[in-house]
Protein backbone atom coordinates (compact mmCIF):
# COMPACT_ATOMS: atom_id res chain seq x y z
CA UNK A 1 0.00 0.00 0.00
CA UNK A 2 1.30 3.44 -0.94
CA UNK A 3 0.24 6.38 1.20
CA UNK A 4 2.76 8.92 -0.15
CA UNK A 5 4.10 9.92 -3.55
CA UNK A 6 7.53 11.60 -3.93
CA UNK A 7 9.49 12.70 -6.99
CA UNK A 8 12.91 14.32 -7.20
CA UNK A 9 12.82 17.80 -8.71
CA UNK A 10 14.89 18.99 -11.65
CA UNK A 11 14.74 22.55 -10.29
CA UNK A 12 16.23 24.42 -7.34
CA UNK A 13 14.47 24.41 -3.99
CA UNK A 14 13.13 27.96 -4.35
CA UNK A 15 11.93 27.31 -7.90
CA UNK A 16 10.28 24.04 -6.87
CA UNK A 17 8.52 25.67 -3.92
CA UNK A 18 7.27 28.51 -6.10
CA UNK A 19 6.02 26.11 -8.80
CA UNK A 20 4.34 23.98 -6.13
CA UNK A 21 2.28 26.92 -4.93
CA UNK A 22 1.36 27.91 -8.48
CA UNK A 23 0.37 24.34 -9.42
CA UNK A 24 -1.73 23.95 -6.28
CA UNK A 25 -3.66 27.13 -6.99
CA UNK A 26 -4.28 26.15 -10.63
CA UNK A 27 -5.63 22.77 -9.47
CA UNK A 28 -8.14 24.30 -7.07
CA UNK A 29 -6.19 23.81 -3.83
CA UNK A 30 -5.89 26.50 -1.17
CA UNK A 31 -2.70 26.77 0.89
CA UNK A 32 -3.90 27.50 4.41
CA UNK A 33 -0.54 27.43 6.14
CA UNK A 34 3.18 26.84 5.75
CA UNK A 35 5.84 25.52 8.10
CA UNK A 36 9.58 25.85 7.44
CA UNK A 37 11.64 22.86 8.55
CA UNK A 38 14.78 23.41 10.61
CA UNK A 39 18.18 23.87 8.96
CA UNK A 40 16.49 24.84 5.68
CA UNK A 41 15.55 21.22 5.03
CA UNK A 42 12.30 22.17 3.39
CA UNK A 43 8.78 23.46 3.80
CA UNK A 44 5.41 21.90 4.61
CA UNK A 45 2.35 23.36 2.91
CA UNK A 46 -1.03 22.73 4.55
CA UNK A 47 -3.70 22.45 1.88
CA UNK A 48 -7.41 21.97 1.34
CA UNK A 49 -9.47 21.51 -1.80
CA UNK A 50 -12.81 23.13 -0.88
CA UNK A 51 -14.81 21.64 -3.75
CA UNK A 52 -13.66 18.03 -3.29
CA UNK A 53 -13.67 18.24 0.51
CA UNK A 54 -17.27 19.47 0.49
CA UNK A 55 -18.36 16.54 -1.68
CA UNK A 56 -16.56 14.06 0.58
CA UNK A 57 -18.18 15.51 3.69
CA UNK A 58 -21.62 15.17 2.12
CA UNK A 59 -21.01 11.44 1.57
CA UNK A 60 -19.32 10.67 4.89
CA UNK A 61 -17.86 13.35 7.16
CA UNK A 62 -15.65 10.76 8.89
CA UNK A 63 -13.69 10.23 5.67
CA UNK A 64 -12.29 13.74 5.81
CA UNK A 65 -9.91 12.69 8.57
CA UNK A 66 -8.14 10.35 6.14
CA UNK A 67 -7.69 12.88 3.33
CA UNK A 68 -4.06 14.10 3.07
CA UNK A 69 -3.62 17.80 3.74
CA UNK A 70 0.13 18.34 3.34
CA UNK A 71 2.52 18.91 0.46
CA UNK A 72 6.18 18.53 1.35
CA UNK A 73 9.03 20.23 -0.50
CA UNK A 74 12.32 18.87 0.83
CA UNK A 75 15.86 20.10 0.37
CA UNK A 76 18.14 17.36 1.65
CA UNK A 77 21.66 16.27 0.64
CA UNK A 78 21.60 18.42 -2.50
CA UNK A 79 18.39 16.71 -3.61
CA UNK A 80 15.12 18.59 -3.89
CA UNK A 81 11.97 16.50 -3.80
CA UNK A 82 8.23 17.07 -3.73
CA UNK A 83 5.88 14.72 -1.90
CA UNK A 84 2.18 14.37 -1.18
CA UNK A 85 0.07 12.00 0.85
CA UNK A 86 -2.30 9.70 -1.02
CA UNK A 87 -5.86 8.96 0.01
CA UNK A 88 -5.74 5.18 -0.47
CA UNK A 89 -6.64 4.58 3.17
CA UNK A 90 -10.08 6.07 2.60
CA UNK A 91 -11.30 3.12 0.54
CA UNK A 92 -9.92 0.63 3.05
CA UNK A 93 -11.44 2.24 6.13
CA UNK A 94 -14.63 3.89 4.86
CA UNK A 95 -16.73 1.42 2.85
CA UNK A 96 -18.50 3.90 0.60
CA UNK A 97 -18.08 3.10 -3.13
CA UNK A 98 -19.24 6.56 -4.12
CA UNK A 99 -16.07 7.98 -2.52
CA UNK A 100 -13.77 6.14 -4.95
CA UNK A 101 -14.02 8.56 -7.90
CA UNK A 102 -13.54 11.56 -5.59
CA UNK A 103 -10.47 9.99 -3.99
CA UNK A 104 -9.06 9.11 -7.43
CA UNK A 105 -9.61 12.68 -8.65
CA UNK A 106 -7.98 14.09 -5.51
CA UNK A 107 -4.93 11.84 -5.83
CA UNK A 108 -4.64 12.51 -9.55
CA UNK A 109 -4.65 16.27 -8.98
CA UNK A 110 -1.94 15.96 -6.33
CA UNK A 111 0.25 13.80 -8.57
CA UNK A 112 -0.09 16.38 -11.33
CA UNK A 113 0.97 19.07 -8.86
CA UNK A 114 4.07 17.04 -8.02
CA UNK A 115 4.94 16.53 -11.69
CA UNK A 116 4.51 20.22 -12.46
CA UNK A 117 6.43 21.41 -9.40
CA UNK A 118 9.29 18.96 -9.92
CA UNK A 119 9.22 19.46 -13.70
CA UNK A 120 9.15 15.72 -14.40
CA UNK A 121 7.01 13.39 -16.46
CA UNK A 122 4.46 11.03 -14.96
CA UNK A 123 5.80 7.62 -13.96
CA UNK A 124 5.66 4.97 -16.66
CA UNK A 125 4.55 1.47 -15.61
CA UNK A 126 7.10 -1.19 -16.46
CA UNK A 127 5.46 -4.33 -15.09
CA UNK A 128 2.08 -5.30 -13.63
CA UNK A 129 1.56 -8.30 -11.34
CA UNK A 130 -1.90 -9.40 -10.21
CA UNK A 131 -1.82 -11.46 -7.01
CA UNK A 132 -4.86 -13.70 -7.16
CA UNK A 133 -6.46 -16.97 -6.10
CA UNK A 134 -8.36 -19.48 -8.20
CA UNK A 135 -11.63 -18.78 -6.37
CA UNK A 136 -11.55 -14.98 -6.03
CA UNK A 137 -14.36 -13.39 -8.12
CA UNK A 138 -12.87 -9.91 -7.89
CA UNK A 139 -9.56 -11.25 -9.18
CA UNK A 140 -11.37 -12.70 -12.20
CA UNK A 141 -13.08 -9.35 -12.77
CA UNK A 142 -9.79 -7.47 -12.57
CA UNK A 143 -8.02 -9.86 -14.94
CA UNK A 144 -10.84 -9.44 -17.45
CA UNK A 145 -10.63 -5.66 -17.05
CA UNK A 146 -6.85 -5.67 -17.59
CA UNK A 147 -7.31 -7.82 -20.69
CA UNK A 148 -9.96 -5.47 -22.05
CA UNK A 149 -7.67 -2.49 -21.47
CA UNK A 150 -4.84 -4.42 -23.20
CA UNK A 151 -2.57 -4.08 -20.17
CA UNK A 152 0.23 -6.65 -20.16
CA UNK A 153 0.28 -8.36 -16.79
CA UNK A 154 1.36 -11.45 -14.91
CA UNK A 155 -1.03 -13.38 -12.67
CA UNK A 156 0.41 -14.96 -9.54
CA UNK A 157 -1.86 -17.44 -7.74
CA UNK A 158 -1.02 -17.18 -4.06
CA UNK A 159 -3.21 -20.18 -3.22
CA UNK A 160 -0.89 -22.35 -5.30
CA UNK A 161 2.40 -20.98 -4.00
CA UNK A 162 3.15 -20.47 -0.33
CA UNK A 163 6.28 -18.56 -1.29
CA UNK A 164 4.27 -16.13 -3.45
CA UNK A 165 1.69 -15.67 -0.67
CA UNK A 166 4.39 -14.90 1.87
CA UNK A 167 6.01 -12.45 -0.53
CA UNK A 168 2.72 -10.62 -1.05
CA UNK A 169 2.09 -10.35 2.70
CA UNK A 170 5.66 -9.19 3.27
CA UNK A 171 5.33 -6.45 0.65
CA UNK A 172 1.86 -5.20 1.58
CA UNK A 173 0.80 -6.58 4.95
CA UNK A 174 -2.33 -7.81 3.20
CA UNK A 175 -3.62 -11.39 3.21
CA UNK A 176 -6.60 -10.79 0.92
CA UNK A 177 -6.68 -10.57 -2.85
CA UNK A 178 -6.63 -9.08 -5.39
CA UNK A 179 -3.45 -7.12 -4.88
CA UNK A 180 -1.89 -5.41 -7.87
CA UNK A 181 1.81 -4.56 -7.95
CA UNK A 182 2.84 -1.92 -10.47
CA UNK A 183 6.57 -1.52 -11.04
CA UNK A 184 7.79 1.78 -12.43
CA UNK A 185 11.02 2.82 -14.10
CA UNK A 186 13.30 4.55 -11.59
CA UNK A 187 10.75 4.46 -8.75
CA UNK A 188 9.38 2.19 -6.04
CA UNK A 189 6.61 -0.24 -6.83
CA UNK A 190 3.01 0.72 -6.08
CA UNK A 191 0.53 -1.70 -4.53
CA UNK A 192 -3.21 -1.37 -5.09
CA UNK A 193 -5.42 -3.32 -2.71
CA UNK A 194 -8.67 -4.69 -4.12
CA UNK A 195 -10.12 -4.25 -7.59
CA UNK A 196 -10.12 -0.46 -7.62
CA UNK A 197 -10.71 0.60 -11.22
CA UNK A 198 -10.25 4.30 -10.46
CA UNK A 199 -6.84 3.84 -8.87
CA UNK A 200 -5.76 1.30 -11.48
CA UNK A 201 -6.76 3.64 -14.31
CA UNK A 202 -4.90 6.50 -12.66
CA UNK A 203 -1.71 4.53 -12.02
CA UNK A 204 -1.71 2.88 -15.44
CA UNK A 205 -2.25 6.18 -17.24
CA UNK A 206 -5.71 5.27 -18.58
CA UNK A 207 -7.50 8.50 -17.54
C-alpha cells in the first residue's frame, strides 16, 4: 500500500517551492498554512481543496480525517523533492463506493501538482503483477478488465504458492486478494489493494 508519492525535482528548492504553490492554486487547492523545517531542510504546505472536501463531507464526514492535507518540499543532501500523501486509506477504512471517484480525482490532482512542481514526467509502468487466487471473483473481474484495457500483466496465484503468498504479505501486509503490484522505471513499486478501477486507471495512465 502506498500512502505517499515523492518525486525528485529537476529545479532548485526555491523554484520548486514557487512552482508547487502555483500548481496547487491552478488545481483548485488552497494553501492555508506553511511551516519551514529546521536547517532549511524544506517546507510543509497545509492544503485543502474546498470543492472536493465538500463533496466528501456530504457522503461521509468521517472520511475527511483520512484525506491528506500536506505537500512537502524537501531540500536534503543536495536533492530537492516534492511529496504528497495519497488517500488510499479512505477506501480501506470507509466502505463507501461513491467515494472512490472523488479519492481518485484528488490523488490525480496531487500527482499532477508534483509533476509540475518537480518538472518531471508522470511515472511509466514497467510491469504489472496481479496477485490472485483461483476462487476470487474480484480477481477474475480485474483480470478481465486488464485484458480489455490491453494491459500486459502477470497473474500470480497465491493459493498455489506459499512462497508467493508470503512475498505478497511481506510487501503489503495484506492477506486478501486481489493485490496489484505496479513496477515503475526509476521508482518504487506501487501496490493497489482490491479491484479499484479508479486507482488502477490513474496509475496505469488510462484517464
